[in-house]
């Protein structure tokens, strides 16, 4: 079966491949008579190769197929008349694979998520967050002895450097907790210079013991740093970690204890949060995880890499999605307003948050679990009125042809914000409740990248469409540009400008 591909200035445009907009490259796909899914159609195959015919030269090329992927380097044999090799153009990496991984598996068409081969449903039901963190990083579930040692090491590292207390106390009272935590994570690298390859002059992460210490420190300290940011935000003194409590219980203890001598979090709240941590621990090469790999490729220390990942997660399109869902439901206000809201979405007058996913084209398996957790929380603290709006919105959307045709199903963010709100977490803490568990996924990818013999410093190429070479023009001979350089003024600068110009 033939497939048409497009090129522009010697680039294959992946988006054009999918949409079949131009007819330049003829591509035949064959794979040992195995019926495979590719670009939305099925192909009957006879060999594990992709045959490409370049209409510019008439030449044909055989590109090997492995696991339904082709190597971009194999496209280098295709050149134009000037000898320039062809490249793949893929904004947003929508159809690009940049690593081989064994950490998590996603089948977006069938709504499947697995960590190291274990279905997310089984892990949420039977495991704990720290056990899942061990699984993600080391590849197998721990024995009881390994698990006990693992938990002890992490609990030890919940005690952080004293300088972090001073750093966090210097932030404004209204500083966003995520910004405080990002700054603190970056500062950790200055507090432990022996763990920085740039300062030690050695490949210290090649040593497994040294690597393990950074893993223990990162997973242990993130809950303490987060609780410090929260306590500073609400004007309360910090709590020291409680060594006799589990990972999630200790986090809640540091967040919520006042002056009680024997405060312990409610077990249902701790269990629900533990399951939410499992669900958020890992999700393949999302934006923040890709940032970890990207930064690690430069040889930077793990703390800076994790801080960069947290900064990526801070973005509203990534870690802020559940907050957007909450605001959307609050704006809808009642079930009676949902039909009009749906019409506004269809007419592009409103945005629907919490539905759809870059990977899942069916119901997000995590969302099913979170939905059940919501009922457990409401049985304990009382039902939030927003849940009725959410349930009705989901019911209408799932039965509406407009959303079904676009494969818009609830994702993990749809119900998590409601749960966090019901548990009393302020909305500016939502991204941190995402970042804490995702630390283990980031660390798993960090380790995998370090051990990958194919790892290289990340250096994507660009499709330059700017000016060709031109001569420098003296300032008195230049024409006025259309560059807009104005910026908003503060009241202070307004007073100054008037005074200076008088």
Protein backbone atom coordinates (compact mmCIF):
# COMPACT_ATOMS: atom_id res chain seq x y z
CA UNK A 1 0.00 0.00 0.00
CA UNK A 2 1.40 3.41 -0.98
CA UNK A 3 1.59 6.39 1.32
CA UNK A 4 2.26 10.00 0.32
CA UNK A 5 4.81 12.13 2.18
CA UNK A 6 5.64 15.80 1.90
CA UNK A 7 8.90 17.72 2.13
CA UNK A 8 9.79 21.39 2.34
CA UNK A 9 13.40 22.53 2.00
CA UNK A 10 14.55 18.93 2.42
CA UNK A 11 12.49 18.24 5.57
CA UNK A 12 9.84 15.56 5.92
CA UNK A 13 6.91 17.19 7.70
CA UNK A 14 5.45 14.62 10.09
CA UNK A 15 2.21 16.56 10.39
CA UNK A 16 1.82 16.46 6.61
CA UNK A 17 2.49 12.74 6.66
CA UNK A 18 -0.45 12.21 8.98
CA UNK A 19 -2.78 14.58 7.14
CA UNK A 20 -1.59 13.47 3.66
CA UNK A 21 -1.57 17.03 2.38
CA UNK A 22 1.08 16.79 -0.35
CA UNK A 23 2.31 14.12 -2.76
CA UNK A 24 6.08 14.06 -2.98
CA UNK A 25 7.44 10.95 -1.29
CA UNK A 26 6.03 7.51 -2.06
CA UNK A 27 6.41 5.25 0.97
CA UNK A 28 5.66 1.53 1.04
CA UNK A 29 5.44 -0.18 4.40
CA UNK A 30 6.09 -3.89 4.80
CA UNK A 31 6.54 -5.98 7.92
CA UNK A 32 6.58 -9.79 7.61
CA UNK A 33 2.90 -10.16 6.64
CA UNK A 34 2.03 -8.74 10.08
CA UNK A 35 -0.99 -6.45 10.08
CA UNK A 36 0.11 -3.26 11.85
CA UNK A 37 -1.44 0.11 12.67
CA UNK A 38 0.41 3.10 11.26
CA UNK A 39 -0.77 6.63 10.46
CA UNK A 40 -4.37 5.67 11.06
CA UNK A 41 -4.45 2.86 8.48
CA UNK A 42 -3.49 -0.81 8.40
CA UNK A 43 -0.82 -2.23 6.17
CA UNK A 44 -0.19 -5.74 4.88
CA UNK A 45 3.52 -6.38 4.97
CA UNK A 46 6.09 -8.81 3.67
CA UNK A 47 9.47 -7.47 4.91
CA UNK A 48 10.68 -5.46 7.90
CA UNK A 49 11.53 -2.45 5.75
CA UNK A 50 10.05 0.82 4.62
CA UNK A 51 10.53 1.56 0.91
CA UNK A 52 10.80 5.25 0.07
CA UNK A 53 10.85 6.63 -3.46
CA UNK A 54 12.12 10.20 -3.79
CA UNK A 55 10.17 11.89 -6.60
CA UNK A 56 12.95 14.47 -7.00
CA UNK A 57 15.53 11.93 -8.10
CA UNK A 58 13.51 8.78 -8.70
CA UNK A 59 15.75 6.89 -6.26
CA UNK A 60 14.38 4.25 -3.91
CA UNK A 61 15.60 3.62 -0.37
CA UNK A 62 15.07 0.69 2.00
CA UNK A 63 14.68 1.82 5.62
CA UNK A 64 14.72 -0.92 8.32
CA UNK A 65 11.72 -1.10 10.67
CA UNK A 66 12.20 -2.19 14.28
CA UNK A 67 9.29 -2.40 16.74
CA UNK A 68 7.28 -0.22 14.34
CA UNK A 69 9.94 2.54 14.43
CA UNK A 70 12.48 3.71 11.92
CA UNK A 71 15.75 5.38 12.89
CA UNK A 72 16.04 9.02 11.90
CA UNK A 73 19.71 8.39 11.12
CA UNK A 74 18.64 5.98 8.37
CA UNK A 75 17.02 8.91 6.58
CA UNK A 76 20.48 10.46 6.18
CA UNK A 77 21.03 8.34 3.07
CA UNK A 78 18.32 10.43 1.34
CA UNK A 79 19.98 13.57 -0.02
CA UNK A 80 19.13 16.39 -2.40
CA UNK A 81 21.21 17.44 -5.41
CA UNK A 82 23.49 19.49 -3.14
CA UNK A 83 24.21 16.55 -0.86
CA UNK A 84 22.10 17.86 2.04
CA UNK A 85 20.50 15.05 4.02
CA UNK A 86 16.78 14.98 4.64
CA UNK A 87 15.45 15.56 8.15
CA UNK A 88 12.15 14.98 9.94
CA UNK A 89 10.16 18.09 10.89
CA UNK A 90 8.01 17.43 13.98
CA UNK A 91 6.91 20.41 16.13
CA UNK A 92 6.10 19.29 19.66
CA UNK A 93 7.65 15.86 18.99
CA UNK A 94 4.18 14.51 18.18
CA UNK A 95 5.56 11.57 16.21
CA UNK A 96 9.18 11.39 17.36
CA UNK A 97 10.84 8.76 19.55
CA UNK A 98 14.08 9.92 21.16
CA UNK A 99 14.92 7.06 23.49
CA UNK A 100 14.38 3.40 24.28
CA UNK A 101 12.80 2.89 27.69
CA UNK A 102 11.64 0.05 29.93
CA UNK A 103 9.96 2.15 32.61
CA UNK A 104 6.33 2.64 31.62
CA UNK A 105 4.06 1.47 28.82
CA UNK A 106 1.03 3.32 27.49
CA UNK A 107 -1.54 2.02 25.01
CA UNK A 108 -3.52 5.16 24.36
CA UNK A 109 -6.09 3.51 22.10
CA UNK A 110 -7.10 0.95 24.71
CA UNK A 111 -6.53 3.00 27.87
CA UNK A 112 -3.68 0.93 29.29
CA UNK A 113 -0.91 2.17 31.62
CA UNK A 114 1.74 -0.13 33.08
CA UNK A 115 4.77 0.52 35.26
CA UNK A 116 7.54 -1.97 34.46
CA UNK A 117 4.86 -4.33 33.13
CA UNK A 118 2.51 -4.06 36.11
CA UNK A 119 -0.99 -2.67 35.34
CA UNK A 120 -1.66 0.61 37.12
CA UNK A 121 -4.92 -0.82 38.48
CA UNK A 122 -3.06 -3.58 40.37
CA UNK A 123 -0.47 -1.21 41.77
CA UNK A 124 -3.11 1.25 42.96
CA UNK A 125 -5.01 -1.54 44.69
CA UNK A 126 -2.17 -3.57 46.21
CA UNK A 127 1.00 -1.49 46.41
CA UNK A 128 2.29 1.64 48.15
CA UNK A 129 3.92 4.73 46.71
CA UNK A 130 7.40 3.94 48.06
CA UNK A 131 7.17 0.39 46.72
CA UNK A 132 6.17 1.76 43.31
CA UNK A 133 9.05 4.26 43.46
CA UNK A 134 11.45 1.35 44.04
CA UNK A 135 9.88 -0.52 41.13
CA UNK A 136 10.21 2.42 38.74
CA UNK A 137 13.82 3.15 39.63
CA UNK A 138 15.25 -0.36 40.01
CA UNK A 139 12.98 -2.31 37.67
CA UNK A 140 11.54 -4.90 40.08
CA UNK A 141 9.35 -4.95 43.17
CA UNK A 142 11.44 -5.11 46.38
CA UNK A 143 11.59 -7.97 48.83
CA UNK A 144 10.48 -7.22 52.39
CA UNK A 145 14.11 -6.73 53.47
CA UNK A 146 14.84 -4.42 50.54
CA UNK A 147 11.65 -2.47 51.13
CA UNK A 148 12.38 -1.93 54.83
CA UNK A 149 15.90 -0.66 54.09
CA UNK A 150 14.58 1.50 51.26
CA UNK A 151 11.96 3.17 53.47
CA UNK A 152 14.49 3.75 56.25
CA UNK A 153 16.97 5.42 53.88
CA UNK A 154 14.32 7.72 52.49
CA UNK A 155 12.95 8.62 55.92
CA UNK A 156 16.48 9.52 57.03
CA UNK A 157 16.71 12.03 54.19
CA UNK A 158 13.49 13.78 55.14
CA UNK A 159 15.78 15.84 57.39
CA UNK A 160 17.12 18.59 55.15
CA UNK A 161 20.02 21.04 55.37
CA UNK A 162 19.37 23.85 57.85
CA UNK A 163 20.13 26.47 55.21
CA UNK A 164 16.96 25.49 53.35
CA UNK A 165 14.90 26.67 56.31
CA UNK A 166 16.59 30.06 56.06
CA UNK A 167 16.13 30.21 52.29
CA UNK A 168 12.43 29.44 52.42
CA UNK A 169 11.83 31.94 55.22
CA UNK A 170 13.07 34.75 52.95
CA UNK A 171 10.27 34.41 50.40
CA UNK A 172 7.34 36.81 50.43
CA UNK A 173 4.26 35.70 52.32
CA UNK A 174 2.35 35.41 49.02
CA UNK A 175 5.08 33.59 47.06
CA UNK A 176 3.73 30.64 45.09
CA UNK A 177 4.77 27.38 46.81
CA UNK A 178 5.87 25.86 43.50
CA UNK A 179 8.27 28.73 42.87
CA UNK A 180 9.65 28.30 46.38
CA UNK A 181 10.19 24.58 45.89
CA UNK A 182 11.84 25.02 42.48
CA UNK A 183 14.28 27.50 44.02
CA UNK A 184 14.95 25.16 46.94
CA UNK A 185 15.60 22.15 44.69
CA UNK A 186 18.10 24.17 42.71
CA UNK A 187 19.74 25.35 45.95
CA UNK A 188 20.24 21.76 47.15
CA UNK A 189 23.02 21.34 44.58
CA UNK A 190 24.95 24.16 46.29
CA UNK A 191 24.50 22.51 49.69
CA UNK A 192 25.96 19.20 48.50
CA UNK A 193 28.83 20.13 46.16
CA UNK A 194 30.29 16.63 46.42
CA UNK A 195 27.25 15.42 44.45
CA UNK A 196 27.87 17.82 41.56
CA UNK A 197 29.89 16.30 38.69
CA UNK A 198 30.92 19.76 37.50
CA UNK A 199 32.55 20.54 40.85
CA UNK A 200 33.95 17.13 41.70
CA UNK A 201 35.43 16.69 38.24
CA UNK A 202 34.37 13.05 38.24
CA UNK A 203 31.62 10.91 36.82
CA UNK A 204 30.27 10.33 40.33
CA UNK A 205 26.91 9.01 39.17
CA UNK A 206 28.61 5.99 37.63
CA UNK A 207 29.03 4.72 41.18
CA UNK A 208 25.79 3.02 42.24
CA UNK A 209 26.16 3.93 45.92
CA UNK A 210 26.64 7.60 45.10
CA UNK A 211 23.69 7.49 42.74
CA UNK A 212 21.53 5.80 45.37
CA UNK A 213 22.30 8.53 47.88
CA UNK A 214 20.99 11.20 45.53
CA UNK A 215 17.85 9.11 44.95
CA UNK A 216 17.24 8.73 48.69
CA UNK A 217 17.85 12.43 49.25
CA UNK A 218 15.55 13.57 46.46
CA UNK A 219 12.58 11.38 47.41
CA UNK A 220 13.05 12.06 51.11
CA UNK A 221 13.59 15.80 50.97
CA UNK A 222 10.84 16.75 48.52
CA UNK A 223 8.07 16.22 51.09
CA UNK A 224 9.95 18.25 53.70
CA UNK A 225 10.71 21.09 51.27
CA UNK A 226 7.07 21.13 50.15
CA UNK A 227 5.78 21.25 53.72
CA UNK A 228 8.21 24.07 54.53
CA UNK A 229 6.93 26.07 51.56
CA UNK A 230 3.34 25.47 52.66
CA UNK A 231 3.98 26.40 56.30
CA UNK A 232 5.79 29.57 55.23
CA UNK A 233 2.85 30.40 52.96
CA UNK A 234 0.37 30.24 55.85
CA UNK A 235 2.69 31.89 58.40
CA UNK A 236 3.34 28.90 60.65
CA UNK A 237 6.52 27.46 62.08
CA UNK A 238 7.85 24.32 60.35
CA UNK A 239 7.42 20.82 61.75
CA UNK A 240 10.33 18.42 61.94
CA UNK A 241 9.88 15.03 60.22
CA UNK A 242 8.35 12.20 62.27
CA UNK A 243 10.51 9.10 61.87
CA UNK A 244 7.85 6.69 63.11
CA UNK A 245 5.35 7.63 60.40
CA UNK A 246 5.17 6.37 56.84
CA UNK A 247 6.06 8.48 53.82
CA UNK A 248 2.65 10.02 53.12
CA UNK A 249 1.64 10.17 56.80
CA UNK A 250 4.85 12.04 57.60
CA UNK A 251 4.20 14.50 54.78
CA UNK A 252 0.71 15.24 56.13
CA UNK A 253 2.12 15.47 59.66
CA UNK A 254 4.66 18.11 58.62
CA UNK A 255 1.94 20.01 56.76
CA UNK A 256 -0.81 19.97 59.38
CA UNK A 257 0.45 19.43 62.93
CA UNK A 258 -0.07 22.38 65.26
CA UNK A 259 0.84 21.84 68.92
CA UNK A 260 -0.51 18.32 69.39
CA UNK A 261 1.89 15.93 71.09
CA UNK A 262 0.60 12.90 69.19
CA UNK A 263 -0.93 14.17 65.94
CA UNK A 264 -1.43 11.56 63.21
CA UNK A 265 -3.24 12.03 59.88
CA UNK A 266 -6.50 10.20 59.23
CA UNK A 267 -5.70 6.82 57.62
CA UNK A 268 -8.25 7.27 54.82
CA UNK A 269 -6.73 10.60 53.80
CA UNK A 270 -3.22 9.11 53.89
CA UNK A 271 -4.30 6.09 51.83
CA UNK A 272 -6.09 8.19 49.22
CA UNK A 273 -3.06 10.46 48.85
CA UNK A 274 -0.77 7.43 48.63
CA UNK A 275 -2.82 6.05 45.73
CA UNK A 276 -2.85 9.44 44.02
CA UNK A 277 0.94 9.48 44.37
CA UNK A 278 1.09 6.07 42.66
CA UNK A 279 -1.08 7.31 39.79
CA UNK A 280 1.07 10.41 39.28
CA UNK A 281 4.46 8.74 39.70
CA UNK A 282 5.28 8.15 36.05
CA UNK A 283 3.83 8.74 32.60
CA UNK A 284 6.42 8.17 29.92
CA UNK A 285 8.03 11.14 28.13
CA UNK A 286 5.77 14.00 29.17
CA UNK A 287 7.10 17.56 29.14
CA UNK A 288 8.75 17.51 32.58
CA UNK A 289 10.23 14.01 32.18
CA UNK A 290 11.67 14.99 28.82
CA UNK A 291 13.18 18.02 30.55
CA UNK A 292 15.00 15.73 33.01
CA UNK A 293 16.51 13.72 30.17
CA UNK A 294 17.34 16.87 28.23
CA UNK A 295 19.12 18.50 31.17
CA UNK A 296 20.85 15.29 32.25
CA UNK A 297 22.33 14.98 28.76
CA UNK A 298 24.47 18.06 29.49
CA UNK A 299 26.05 16.37 32.52
CA UNK A 300 24.35 18.66 35.03
CA UNK A 301 23.79 17.53 38.63
CA UNK A 302 20.56 15.73 39.50
CA UNK A 303 19.22 18.56 41.67
CA UNK A 304 19.39 21.09 38.87
CA UNK A 305 17.82 18.58 36.47
CA UNK A 306 14.95 17.91 38.88
CA UNK A 307 14.48 21.65 39.48
CA UNK A 308 14.20 22.10 35.71
CA UNK A 309 11.62 19.33 35.52
CA UNK A 310 9.62 20.92 38.34
CA UNK A 311 9.75 24.24 36.48
CA UNK A 312 8.31 22.52 33.40
CA UNK A 313 5.60 20.96 35.56
CA UNK A 314 4.77 24.43 36.90
CA UNK A 315 3.30 25.38 33.53
CA UNK A 316 -0.51 25.53 33.35
CA UNK A 317 -0.58 23.14 30.37
CA UNK A 318 1.15 20.46 32.44
CA UNK A 319 0.94 20.54 36.23
CA UNK A 320 -1.77 23.16 36.44
CA UNK A 321 -4.47 21.25 34.57
CA UNK A 322 -6.37 20.04 37.65
CA UNK A 323 -6.60 23.60 38.95
CA UNK A 324 -8.03 24.64 35.58
CA UNK A 325 -10.69 21.92 35.91
CA UNK A 326 -11.65 23.21 39.34
CA UNK A 327 -12.03 26.76 38.09
CA UNK A 328 -14.07 25.53 35.11
CA UNK A 329 -16.52 23.64 37.35
CA UNK A 330 -16.84 26.63 39.67
CA UNK A 331 -17.58 28.86 36.69
CA UNK A 332 -20.29 26.47 35.41
CA UNK A 333 -21.91 26.82 38.83
CA UNK A 334 -24.73 24.27 38.59
CA UNK A 335 -25.91 21.27 36.58
CA UNK A 336 -28.54 23.43 34.89
CA UNK A 337 -25.78 25.46 33.21
CA UNK A 338 -23.99 22.46 31.70
CA UNK A 339 -25.96 22.26 28.38
CA UNK A 340 -25.14 25.89 27.61
CA UNK A 341 -21.51 25.32 28.59
CA UNK A 342 -21.34 22.33 26.23
CA UNK A 343 -22.67 24.49 23.39
CA UNK A 344 -20.11 27.16 24.19
CA UNK A 345 -17.34 24.55 23.99
CA UNK A 346 -18.59 23.37 20.60
CA UNK A 347 -18.73 26.96 19.36
CA UNK A 348 -15.24 27.61 20.74
CA UNK A 349 -16.55 30.16 23.22
CA UNK A 350 -15.36 28.12 26.21
CA UNK A 351 -12.58 25.65 26.98
CA UNK A 352 -13.20 22.15 28.30
CA UNK A 353 -10.51 21.15 30.80
CA UNK A 354 -9.94 17.64 32.12
CA UNK A 355 -10.95 15.93 28.87
CA UNK A 356 -8.66 14.59 26.18
CA UNK A 357 -4.99 13.67 26.30
CA UNK A 358 -1.99 13.78 24.01
CA UNK A 359 -1.62 10.00 24.37
CA UNK A 360 -4.97 8.54 25.42
CA UNK A 361 -7.69 8.26 22.79
CA UNK A 362 -9.96 6.46 25.24
CA UNK A 363 -10.76 6.76 28.96
CA UNK A 364 -7.62 7.52 30.99
CA UNK A 365 -7.18 4.45 33.25
CA UNK A 366 -6.01 6.69 36.08
CA UNK A 367 -9.20 8.75 35.90
CA UNK A 368 -11.33 5.67 36.62
CA UNK A 369 -9.38 5.06 39.83
CA UNK A 370 -9.44 8.72 40.89
CA UNK A 371 -13.20 8.82 40.41
CA UNK A 372 -13.62 6.01 42.96
CA UNK A 373 -11.22 7.72 45.37
CA UNK A 374 -13.39 10.81 45.25
CA UNK A 375 -16.29 8.90 46.79
CA UNK A 376 -14.05 7.65 49.61
CA UNK A 377 -13.04 11.22 50.39
CA UNK A 378 -16.62 12.49 50.29
CA UNK A 379 -17.74 9.73 52.65
CA UNK A 380 -15.19 11.09 55.12
CA UNK A 381 -15.37 14.88 54.73
CA UNK A 382 -18.70 15.38 53.00
CA UNK A 383 -19.60 15.74 49.34
CA UNK A 384 -18.33 18.76 47.47
CA UNK A 385 -21.07 20.35 45.32
CA UNK A 386 -18.67 20.41 42.39
CA UNK A 387 -18.72 16.61 42.15
CA UNK A 388 -22.35 16.68 40.99
CA UNK A 389 -21.43 19.13 38.24
CA UNK A 390 -18.43 16.99 37.28
CA UNK A 391 -20.47 13.77 37.09
CA UNK A 392 -23.17 15.38 34.99
CA UNK A 393 -20.62 17.02 32.70
CA UNK A 394 -18.86 13.70 32.22
CA UNK A 395 -22.14 11.90 31.49
CA UNK A 396 -23.23 14.44 28.88
CA UNK A 397 -19.82 14.62 27.21
CA UNK A 398 -19.39 10.84 26.99
CA UNK A 399 -22.72 10.53 25.19
CA UNK A 400 -22.30 13.51 22.89
CA UNK A 401 -21.24 12.76 19.31
CA UNK A 402 -19.08 15.89 19.17
CA UNK A 403 -16.82 14.67 21.98
CA UNK A 404 -16.96 11.00 21.01
CA UNK A 405 -15.82 11.79 17.46
CA UNK A 406 -12.85 13.68 18.91
CA UNK A 407 -11.97 10.97 21.45
CA UNK A 408 -12.40 13.41 24.33
CA UNK A 409 -12.62 11.34 27.50
CA UNK A 410 -11.93 12.36 31.13
CA UNK A 411 -8.25 12.35 32.07
CA UNK A 412 -6.55 12.08 35.45
CA UNK A 413 -6.87 15.81 36.10
CA UNK A 414 -10.67 15.83 35.90
CA UNK A 415 -11.31 14.56 39.43
CA UNK A 416 -8.01 15.15 41.27
CA UNK A 417 -8.63 18.87 41.77
CA UNK A 418 -12.01 18.14 43.36
CA UNK A 419 -10.38 15.66 45.76
CA UNK A 420 -7.62 18.09 46.73
CA UNK A 421 -10.17 20.84 47.30
CA UNK A 422 -12.32 18.54 49.44
CA UNK A 423 -9.25 17.67 51.53
CA UNK A 424 -8.54 21.34 52.14
CA UNK A 425 -5.45 21.81 49.97
CA UNK A 426 -5.22 25.33 48.53
CA UNK A 427 -5.15 25.45 44.74
CA UNK A 428 -1.58 26.75 44.62
CA UNK A 429 -0.49 23.46 46.24
CA UNK A 430 -1.96 21.32 43.44
CA UNK A 431 1.18 21.37 41.24
CA UNK A 432 3.27 20.27 44.23
CA UNK A 433 0.99 17.32 44.89
CA UNK A 434 1.84 16.35 41.31
CA UNK A 435 5.58 17.02 41.65
CA UNK A 436 6.15 15.00 44.85
CA UNK A 437 5.23 11.62 43.34
CA UNK A 438 6.61 12.42 39.89
CA UNK A 439 10.06 12.70 41.48
CA UNK A 440 10.33 8.90 41.36
CA UNK A 441 9.50 8.82 37.66
CA UNK A 442 12.02 11.57 36.95
CA UNK A 443 14.68 9.67 38.89
CA UNK A 444 13.89 6.46 37.01
CA UNK A 445 14.45 8.24 33.69
CA UNK A 446 17.59 9.90 35.07
CA UNK A 447 19.05 6.50 35.91
CA UNK A 448 17.97 4.99 32.60
CA UNK A 449 19.53 7.85 30.66
CA UNK A 450 22.83 7.55 32.54
CA UNK A 451 22.98 3.82 31.77
CA UNK A 452 21.92 4.13 28.12
CA UNK A 453 24.91 3.52 25.80
CA UNK A 454 23.11 5.58 23.13
CA UNK A 455 22.74 8.69 25.31
CA UNK A 456 24.02 11.90 23.77
CA UNK A 457 23.70 15.56 24.62
CA UNK A 458 20.30 16.60 23.28
CA UNK A 459 20.66 18.84 20.25
CA UNK A 460 17.56 19.08 18.00
CA UNK A 461 17.86 20.72 14.59
CA UNK A 462 15.78 23.61 13.28
CA UNK A 463 14.14 24.43 9.98
CA UNK A 464 15.59 27.90 9.41
CA UNK A 465 13.29 30.21 7.42
CA UNK A 466 14.88 33.56 8.26
CA UNK A 467 16.98 36.02 6.25
CA UNK A 468 19.78 34.90 4.01
CA UNK A 469 23.16 36.59 4.49
CA UNK A 470 22.88 40.40 4.53
CA UNK A 471 25.17 43.36 5.22
CA UNK A 472 25.25 45.38 8.44
CA UNK A 473 23.50 48.79 8.12
CA UNK A 474 24.73 51.85 10.11
CA UNK A 475 22.14 53.14 12.58
CA UNK A 476 21.57 56.45 10.76
CA UNK A 477 20.66 54.59 7.55
CA UNK A 478 18.13 52.15 8.99
CA UNK A 479 14.39 52.17 8.41
CA UNK A 480 11.89 52.13 11.25
CA UNK A 481 11.00 48.56 12.21
CA UNK A 482 7.61 47.32 13.33
CA UNK A 483 9.08 45.94 16.57
CA UNK A 484 6.82 46.70 19.54
CA UNK A 485 8.98 47.47 22.57
CA UNK A 486 6.51 49.03 25.00
CA UNK A 487 5.84 47.37 28.36
CA UNK A 488 3.33 47.96 31.18
CA UNK A 489 4.29 50.72 33.61
CA UNK A 490 3.94 50.70 37.38
CA UNK A 491 2.51 53.63 39.31
CA UNK A 492 6.04 54.34 40.55
CA UNK A 493 7.47 54.60 37.02
CA UNK A 494 4.54 56.80 35.97
CA UNK A 495 5.40 59.32 38.70
CA UNK A 496 9.06 59.20 37.75
CA UNK A 497 8.41 59.66 34.04
CA UNK A 498 6.24 62.71 34.65
CA UNK A 499 8.86 64.18 36.99
CA UNK A 500 11.77 63.52 34.64
CA UNK A 501 9.95 64.99 31.62
CA UNK A 502 8.83 68.22 33.39
